[in-house]
């Protein structure tokens, strides 16, 4: 349960974020570029590939065509996906939770190919490869 003091501190932090700005004033999906485009109150426009954001990575253009901006201007909501993005986080290059980002990084690392990885795989192969899993019977 959140205490009254924690609630007040959160409201202070929220007010500071709003004061510092900028906030989103419009957003749309550009199907030709495969990017979400956000216009900010500062006049800056940012765009990012939807595949880079948590909750949007497998979305279709139809699912991305509706984007709602929260009343504070700090969030984007994709109602067809029930996905939300935090605008200040996007401005800092954060496109998802720490766990999601770590999982994507690990998948990229495991899929990478290098001369060293090839040599290591061949050496392991001469040793018989990975041990078989023990049967549960």
N, C-alpha and C. Protein backbone atom coordinates (compact mmCIF):
# COMPACT_ATOMS: atom_id res chain seq x y z
N UNK A 1 0.84 -1.17 0.00
CA UNK A 1 0.00 0.00 0.00
C UNK A 1 0.89 1.25 0.00
N UNK A 2 0.49 2.24 -0.72
CA UNK A 2 1.24 3.49 -0.83
C UNK A 2 0.83 4.43 0.29
N UNK A 3 1.83 4.98 0.97
CA UNK A 3 1.54 5.90 2.06
C UNK A 3 1.20 7.28 1.51
N UNK A 4 0.61 8.11 2.34
CA UNK A 4 0.25 9.47 1.95
C UNK A 4 1.51 10.25 1.58
N UNK A 5 2.58 10.04 2.32
CA UNK A 5 3.85 10.74 2.05
C UNK A 5 4.42 10.32 0.69
N UNK A 6 4.37 9.02 0.39
CA UNK A 6 4.86 8.54 -0.92
C UNK A 6 4.03 9.13 -2.04
N UNK A 7 2.73 9.26 -1.82
CA UNK A 7 1.83 9.84 -2.82
C UNK A 7 2.19 11.30 -3.07
N UNK A 8 2.45 12.04 -2.01
CA UNK A 8 2.82 13.45 -2.16
C UNK A 8 4.14 13.60 -2.91
N UNK A 9 5.10 12.74 -2.60
CA UNK A 9 6.39 12.79 -3.29
C UNK A 9 6.23 12.47 -4.77
N UNK A 10 5.40 11.50 -5.09
CA UNK A 10 5.15 11.14 -6.48
C UNK A 10 4.49 12.30 -7.23
N UNK A 11 3.56 12.97 -6.58
CA UNK A 11 2.89 14.12 -7.20
C UNK A 11 3.88 15.25 -7.45
N UNK A 12 4.81 15.46 -6.52
CA UNK A 12 5.85 16.48 -6.71
C UNK A 12 6.73 16.15 -7.90
N UNK A 13 7.15 14.89 -7.99
CA UNK A 13 7.99 14.46 -9.12
C UNK A 13 7.24 14.62 -10.44
N UNK A 14 5.97 14.27 -10.45
CA UNK A 14 5.16 14.42 -11.65
C UNK A 14 5.02 15.87 -12.08
N UNK A 15 4.81 16.75 -11.11
CA UNK A 15 4.70 18.18 -11.41
C UNK A 15 6.02 18.72 -11.97
N UNK A 16 7.13 18.23 -11.44
CA UNK A 16 8.45 18.67 -11.93
C UNK A 16 8.66 18.22 -13.37
N UNK A 17 8.26 16.99 -13.69
CA UNK A 17 8.41 16.49 -15.06
C UNK A 17 7.57 17.32 -16.01
N UNK A 18 6.34 17.64 -15.62
CA UNK A 18 5.47 18.46 -16.45
C UNK A 18 6.05 19.86 -16.67
N UNK A 19 6.62 20.42 -15.61
CA UNK A 19 7.19 21.78 -15.69
C UNK A 19 8.41 21.81 -16.61
N UNK A 20 9.24 20.77 -16.53
CA UNK A 20 10.45 20.69 -17.35
C UNK A 20 10.10 20.49 -18.82
N UNK A 21 9.02 19.75 -19.08
CA UNK A 21 8.59 19.49 -20.45
C UNK A 21 9.68 18.83 -21.26
N UNK A 22 9.57 18.69 -22.52
CA UNK A 22 8.37 18.94 -23.30
C UNK A 22 7.39 17.79 -23.18
N UNK A 23 6.16 18.04 -23.66
CA UNK A 23 5.13 17.00 -23.64
C UNK A 23 4.66 16.73 -25.07
N UNK A 24 4.05 15.59 -25.27
CA UNK A 24 3.53 15.24 -26.59
C UNK A 24 2.26 16.03 -26.86
N UNK A 25 2.17 16.59 -28.07
CA UNK A 25 0.94 17.29 -28.46
C UNK A 25 0.23 16.57 -29.61
N UNK A 26 0.97 15.73 -30.34
CA UNK A 26 0.34 14.89 -31.36
C UNK A 26 1.23 13.69 -31.63
N UNK A 27 0.62 12.64 -32.14
CA UNK A 27 1.36 11.42 -32.47
C UNK A 27 0.61 10.67 -33.56
N UNK A 28 1.38 10.05 -34.44
CA UNK A 28 0.78 9.22 -35.49
C UNK A 28 1.79 8.17 -35.93
N UNK A 29 1.26 7.17 -36.62
CA UNK A 29 2.12 6.13 -37.17
C UNK A 29 2.28 6.38 -38.66
N UNK A 30 3.52 6.37 -39.14
CA UNK A 30 3.82 6.55 -40.55
C UNK A 30 4.10 5.16 -41.15
N UNK A 31 3.12 4.58 -41.85
CA UNK A 31 3.30 3.22 -42.36
C UNK A 31 4.37 3.11 -43.45
N UNK A 32 4.65 4.21 -44.14
CA UNK A 32 5.67 4.17 -45.20
C UNK A 32 7.06 3.98 -44.64
N UNK A 33 7.32 4.57 -43.47
CA UNK A 33 8.63 4.44 -42.82
C UNK A 33 8.63 3.43 -41.68
N UNK A 34 7.46 2.95 -41.29
CA UNK A 34 7.36 2.02 -40.16
C UNK A 34 7.75 2.67 -38.85
N UNK A 35 7.42 3.98 -38.71
CA UNK A 35 7.84 4.71 -37.51
C UNK A 35 6.67 5.40 -36.83
N UNK A 36 6.77 5.49 -35.51
CA UNK A 36 5.86 6.29 -34.71
C UNK A 36 6.45 7.69 -34.66
N UNK A 37 5.65 8.69 -34.98
CA UNK A 37 6.11 10.08 -35.03
C UNK A 37 5.38 10.87 -33.94
N UNK A 38 6.16 11.57 -33.12
CA UNK A 38 5.60 12.34 -32.01
C UNK A 38 6.02 13.79 -32.17
N UNK A 39 5.05 14.70 -32.08
CA UNK A 39 5.37 16.13 -32.08
C UNK A 39 5.28 16.61 -30.64
N UNK A 40 6.32 17.31 -30.21
CA UNK A 40 6.41 17.77 -28.82
C UNK A 40 6.06 19.25 -28.72
N UNK A 41 5.72 19.68 -27.50
CA UNK A 41 5.35 21.07 -27.25
C UNK A 41 6.49 22.04 -27.54
N UNK A 42 7.72 21.55 -27.59
CA UNK A 42 8.88 22.39 -27.87
C UNK A 42 9.05 22.65 -29.37
N UNK A 43 8.22 21.96 -30.20
CA UNK A 43 8.35 22.08 -31.64
C UNK A 43 9.19 20.97 -32.25
N UNK A 44 9.85 20.22 -31.40
CA UNK A 44 10.66 19.09 -31.85
C UNK A 44 9.76 17.94 -32.26
N UNK A 45 10.15 17.25 -33.30
CA UNK A 45 9.43 16.06 -33.73
C UNK A 45 10.40 14.89 -33.67
N UNK A 46 9.98 13.81 -33.04
CA UNK A 46 10.82 12.62 -32.96
C UNK A 46 10.10 11.45 -33.62
N UNK A 47 10.87 10.53 -34.13
CA UNK A 47 10.31 9.33 -34.75
C UNK A 47 11.19 8.15 -34.40
N UNK A 48 10.57 6.99 -34.24
CA UNK A 48 11.33 5.77 -33.94
C UNK A 48 10.62 4.59 -34.58
N UNK A 49 11.39 3.57 -34.98
CA UNK A 49 10.77 2.37 -35.54
C UNK A 49 9.92 1.66 -34.49
N UNK A 50 8.69 1.34 -34.84
CA UNK A 50 7.81 0.70 -33.86
C UNK A 50 8.38 -0.62 -33.36
N UNK A 51 9.20 -1.28 -34.14
CA UNK A 51 9.76 -2.57 -33.74
C UNK A 51 10.73 -2.43 -32.56
N UNK A 52 11.15 -1.21 -32.25
CA UNK A 52 12.09 -0.97 -31.15
C UNK A 52 11.40 -0.75 -29.81
N UNK A 53 10.07 -0.70 -29.78
CA UNK A 53 9.36 -0.38 -28.55
C UNK A 53 8.59 -1.57 -28.00
N UNK A 54 8.67 -1.74 -26.71
CA UNK A 54 7.97 -2.83 -26.04
C UNK A 54 6.46 -2.71 -26.25
N UNK A 55 5.86 -3.80 -26.67
CA UNK A 55 4.43 -3.81 -26.91
C UNK A 55 4.06 -3.49 -28.34
N UNK A 56 4.99 -2.89 -29.09
CA UNK A 56 4.73 -2.52 -30.48
C UNK A 56 5.53 -3.37 -31.46
N UNK A 57 6.47 -4.17 -30.95
CA UNK A 57 7.43 -4.86 -31.81
C UNK A 57 6.79 -5.77 -32.86
N UNK A 58 5.65 -6.35 -32.57
CA UNK A 58 5.00 -7.26 -33.52
C UNK A 58 3.69 -6.70 -34.06
N UNK A 59 3.47 -5.41 -33.87
CA UNK A 59 2.21 -4.78 -34.25
C UNK A 59 2.08 -4.59 -35.76
N UNK A 60 0.84 -4.63 -36.22
CA UNK A 60 0.55 -4.37 -37.63
C UNK A 60 0.24 -2.89 -37.80
N UNK A 61 0.32 -2.38 -39.02
CA UNK A 61 -0.04 -0.97 -39.25
C UNK A 61 -1.45 -0.64 -38.74
N UNK A 62 -2.40 -1.57 -38.92
CA UNK A 62 -3.76 -1.34 -38.44
C UNK A 62 -3.78 -1.14 -36.93
N UNK A 63 -3.00 -1.92 -36.20
CA UNK A 63 -2.96 -1.81 -34.74
C UNK A 63 -2.28 -0.52 -34.28
N UNK A 64 -1.44 0.04 -35.13
CA UNK A 64 -0.69 1.25 -34.75
C UNK A 64 -1.36 2.54 -35.20
N UNK A 65 -2.43 2.44 -35.99
CA UNK A 65 -3.02 3.65 -36.54
C UNK A 65 -3.71 4.52 -35.49
N UNK A 66 -4.14 3.93 -34.39
CA UNK A 66 -4.78 4.72 -33.33
C UNK A 66 -3.79 4.93 -32.19
N UNK A 67 -3.46 6.18 -31.95
CA UNK A 67 -2.56 6.53 -30.83
C UNK A 67 -3.23 7.62 -30.03
N UNK A 68 -3.36 7.40 -28.74
CA UNK A 68 -3.94 8.40 -27.84
C UNK A 68 -2.83 9.00 -26.99
N UNK A 69 -2.93 10.30 -26.76
CA UNK A 69 -1.98 10.99 -25.87
C UNK A 69 -2.68 11.18 -24.54
N UNK A 70 -2.00 10.83 -23.45
CA UNK A 70 -2.60 11.00 -22.13
C UNK A 70 -2.84 12.48 -21.86
N UNK A 71 -3.72 12.78 -20.92
CA UNK A 71 -4.07 14.17 -20.63
C UNK A 71 -2.86 15.00 -20.20
N UNK A 72 -1.87 14.36 -19.59
CA UNK A 72 -0.67 15.08 -19.16
C UNK A 72 0.29 15.33 -20.31
N UNK A 73 0.12 14.57 -21.40
CA UNK A 73 1.05 14.68 -22.53
C UNK A 73 2.32 13.88 -22.32
N UNK A 74 2.38 13.12 -21.23
CA UNK A 74 3.59 12.35 -20.91
C UNK A 74 3.51 10.90 -21.38
N UNK A 75 2.36 10.48 -21.85
CA UNK A 75 2.21 9.10 -22.25
C UNK A 75 1.51 8.95 -23.58
N UNK A 76 1.82 7.84 -24.26
CA UNK A 76 1.14 7.45 -25.48
C UNK A 76 0.45 6.13 -25.20
N UNK A 77 -0.79 6.02 -25.65
CA UNK A 77 -1.54 4.78 -25.47
C UNK A 77 -1.98 4.26 -26.83
N UNK A 78 -1.74 2.98 -27.05
CA UNK A 78 -2.12 2.31 -28.29
C UNK A 78 -3.29 1.39 -27.94
N UNK A 79 -4.53 1.87 -28.10
CA UNK A 79 -5.69 1.12 -27.62
C UNK A 79 -5.89 -0.25 -28.26
N UNK A 80 -5.53 -0.42 -29.51
CA UNK A 80 -5.72 -1.72 -30.16
C UNK A 80 -4.73 -2.76 -29.65
N UNK A 81 -3.66 -2.30 -28.99
CA UNK A 81 -2.64 -3.19 -28.44
C UNK A 81 -2.64 -3.21 -26.92
N UNK A 82 -3.36 -2.27 -26.31
CA UNK A 82 -3.32 -2.04 -24.88
C UNK A 82 -1.87 -1.87 -24.41
N UNK A 83 -1.14 -1.03 -25.16
CA UNK A 83 0.27 -0.77 -24.86
C UNK A 83 0.44 0.72 -24.56
N UNK A 84 1.36 1.02 -23.66
CA UNK A 84 1.63 2.39 -23.26
C UNK A 84 3.12 2.67 -23.30
N UNK A 85 3.46 3.89 -23.72
CA UNK A 85 4.86 4.33 -23.73
C UNK A 85 4.96 5.65 -22.98
N UNK A 86 6.07 5.86 -22.29
CA UNK A 86 6.31 7.06 -21.49
C UNK A 86 7.18 8.00 -22.30
N UNK A 87 6.66 9.17 -22.64
CA UNK A 87 7.35 10.11 -23.52
C UNK A 87 8.72 10.52 -22.98
N UNK A 88 8.85 10.93 -21.71
CA UNK A 88 10.20 11.27 -21.22
C UNK A 88 11.19 10.10 -21.35
N UNK A 89 10.71 8.88 -21.17
CA UNK A 89 11.57 7.71 -21.36
C UNK A 89 12.02 7.59 -22.80
N UNK A 90 11.10 7.79 -23.73
CA UNK A 90 11.45 7.73 -25.16
C UNK A 90 12.51 8.76 -25.50
N UNK A 91 12.39 9.94 -24.91
CA UNK A 91 13.38 11.00 -25.17
C UNK A 91 14.76 10.62 -24.63
N UNK A 92 14.78 9.73 -23.65
CA UNK A 92 16.05 9.26 -23.09
C UNK A 92 16.52 7.97 -23.76
N UNK A 93 15.77 7.52 -24.76
CA UNK A 93 16.15 6.30 -25.47
C UNK A 93 15.72 5.02 -24.78
N UNK A 94 14.76 5.11 -23.87
CA UNK A 94 14.25 3.94 -23.17
C UNK A 94 12.95 3.52 -23.83
N UNK A 95 12.95 2.35 -24.47
CA UNK A 95 11.80 1.90 -25.24
C UNK A 95 11.06 0.74 -24.60
N UNK A 96 11.37 0.43 -23.34
CA UNK A 96 10.69 -0.65 -22.64
C UNK A 96 11.25 -0.83 -21.25
N UNK A 97 10.74 -1.85 -20.56
CA UNK A 97 11.20 -2.13 -19.20
C UNK A 97 12.63 -2.66 -19.22
N UNK A 98 13.27 -2.63 -18.08
CA UNK A 98 14.65 -3.14 -17.98
C UNK A 98 14.71 -4.62 -18.37
N UNK A 99 13.73 -5.39 -17.93
CA UNK A 99 13.72 -6.83 -18.23
C UNK A 99 13.56 -7.06 -19.74
N UNK A 100 12.68 -6.28 -20.38
CA UNK A 100 12.45 -6.43 -21.83
C UNK A 100 13.70 -6.05 -22.61
N UNK A 101 14.33 -4.96 -22.22
CA UNK A 101 15.56 -4.51 -22.89
C UNK A 101 16.66 -5.55 -22.71
N UNK A 102 16.79 -6.10 -21.51
CA UNK A 102 17.82 -7.11 -21.25
C UNK A 102 17.57 -8.36 -22.08
N UNK A 103 16.32 -8.77 -22.19
CA UNK A 103 15.99 -9.97 -22.97
C UNK A 103 16.33 -9.76 -24.44
N UNK A 104 16.04 -8.57 -24.96
CA UNK A 104 16.37 -8.27 -26.37
C UNK A 104 17.87 -8.24 -26.58
N UNK A 105 18.59 -7.68 -25.62
CA UNK A 105 20.04 -7.62 -25.74
C UNK A 105 20.64 -9.02 -25.71
N UNK A 106 20.12 -9.86 -24.83
CA UNK A 106 20.61 -11.23 -24.74
C UNK A 106 20.33 -12.01 -26.01
N UNK A 107 19.17 -11.80 -26.60
CA UNK A 107 18.82 -12.50 -27.84
C UNK A 107 19.74 -12.08 -28.97
N UNK A 108 20.05 -10.78 -29.01
CA UNK A 108 20.96 -10.29 -30.06
C UNK A 108 22.35 -10.88 -29.87
N UNK A 109 22.79 -10.94 -28.61
CA UNK A 109 24.13 -11.48 -28.33
C UNK A 109 24.22 -12.95 -28.70
N UNK A 110 23.17 -13.71 -28.38
CA UNK A 110 23.17 -15.13 -28.69
C UNK A 110 23.09 -15.40 -30.18
N UNK A 111 22.51 -14.47 -30.91
CA UNK A 111 22.36 -14.66 -32.36
C UNK A 111 23.56 -14.11 -33.13
N UNK A 112 24.46 -13.43 -32.44
CA UNK A 112 25.60 -12.84 -33.15
C UNK A 112 26.55 -13.91 -33.67
N UNK A 113 27.21 -13.60 -34.74
CA UNK A 113 28.17 -14.53 -35.33
C UNK A 113 29.53 -13.86 -35.36
N UNK A 114 30.52 -14.58 -34.94
CA UNK A 114 31.88 -14.06 -34.97
C UNK A 114 32.82 -15.23 -35.21
N UNK A 115 34.03 -14.90 -35.60
CA UNK A 115 35.03 -15.95 -35.83
C UNK A 115 35.30 -16.72 -34.54
N UNK A 116 35.36 -16.02 -33.42
CA UNK A 116 35.63 -16.67 -32.13
C UNK A 116 34.51 -17.63 -31.76
N UNK A 117 33.27 -17.22 -32.01
CA UNK A 117 32.13 -18.07 -31.69
C UNK A 117 32.12 -19.33 -32.57
N UNK A 118 32.48 -19.17 -33.83
CA UNK A 118 32.55 -20.30 -34.76
C UNK A 118 33.61 -21.30 -34.31
N UNK A 119 34.78 -20.79 -33.92
CA UNK A 119 35.86 -21.66 -33.46
C UNK A 119 35.42 -22.39 -32.19
N UNK A 120 34.80 -21.68 -31.26
CA UNK A 120 34.37 -22.30 -30.01
C UNK A 120 33.34 -23.40 -30.27
N UNK A 121 32.42 -23.15 -31.20
CA UNK A 121 31.41 -24.16 -31.53
C UNK A 121 32.06 -25.41 -32.12
N UNK A 122 33.06 -25.22 -32.97
CA UNK A 122 33.74 -26.37 -33.57
C UNK A 122 34.51 -27.17 -32.51
N UNK A 123 35.17 -26.47 -31.59
CA UNK A 123 35.91 -27.15 -30.52
C UNK A 123 34.93 -27.94 -29.66
N UNK A 124 33.80 -27.33 -29.32
CA UNK A 124 32.80 -28.05 -28.52
C UNK A 124 32.26 -29.25 -29.28
N UNK A 125 32.14 -29.12 -30.60
CA UNK A 125 31.66 -30.23 -31.43
C UNK A 125 32.61 -31.41 -31.40
N UNK A 126 33.91 -31.15 -31.35
CA UNK A 126 34.88 -32.26 -31.31
C UNK A 126 34.82 -32.98 -29.98
N UNK A 127 34.27 -32.35 -28.98
CA UNK A 127 34.13 -32.96 -27.66
C UNK A 127 32.79 -33.70 -27.53
N UNK A 128 32.03 -33.74 -28.63
CA UNK A 128 30.73 -34.43 -28.57
C UNK A 128 29.55 -33.50 -28.48
N UNK A 129 29.79 -32.20 -28.49
CA UNK A 129 28.68 -31.23 -28.45
C UNK A 129 28.06 -31.13 -27.08
N UNK A 130 26.88 -30.60 -27.05
CA UNK A 130 26.16 -30.44 -25.78
C UNK A 130 25.71 -31.80 -25.27
N UNK A 131 25.79 -31.98 -23.96
CA UNK A 131 25.31 -33.24 -23.40
C UNK A 131 23.79 -33.36 -23.58
N UNK A 132 23.33 -34.58 -23.79
CA UNK A 132 21.90 -34.81 -23.93
C UNK A 132 21.23 -34.58 -22.57
N UNK A 133 19.99 -34.11 -22.65
CA UNK A 133 19.22 -33.93 -21.42
C UNK A 133 18.86 -35.32 -20.88
N UNK A 134 18.93 -35.45 -19.57
CA UNK A 134 18.56 -36.72 -18.94
C UNK A 134 17.07 -36.93 -19.10
N UNK A 135 16.68 -38.14 -19.43
CA UNK A 135 15.26 -38.42 -19.61
C UNK A 135 14.59 -38.44 -18.24
N UNK A 136 13.33 -38.05 -18.23
CA UNK A 136 12.60 -37.98 -16.96
C UNK A 136 11.85 -39.27 -16.65
N UNK A 137 12.14 -40.34 -17.40
CA UNK A 137 11.46 -41.62 -17.19
C UNK A 137 12.09 -42.40 -16.08
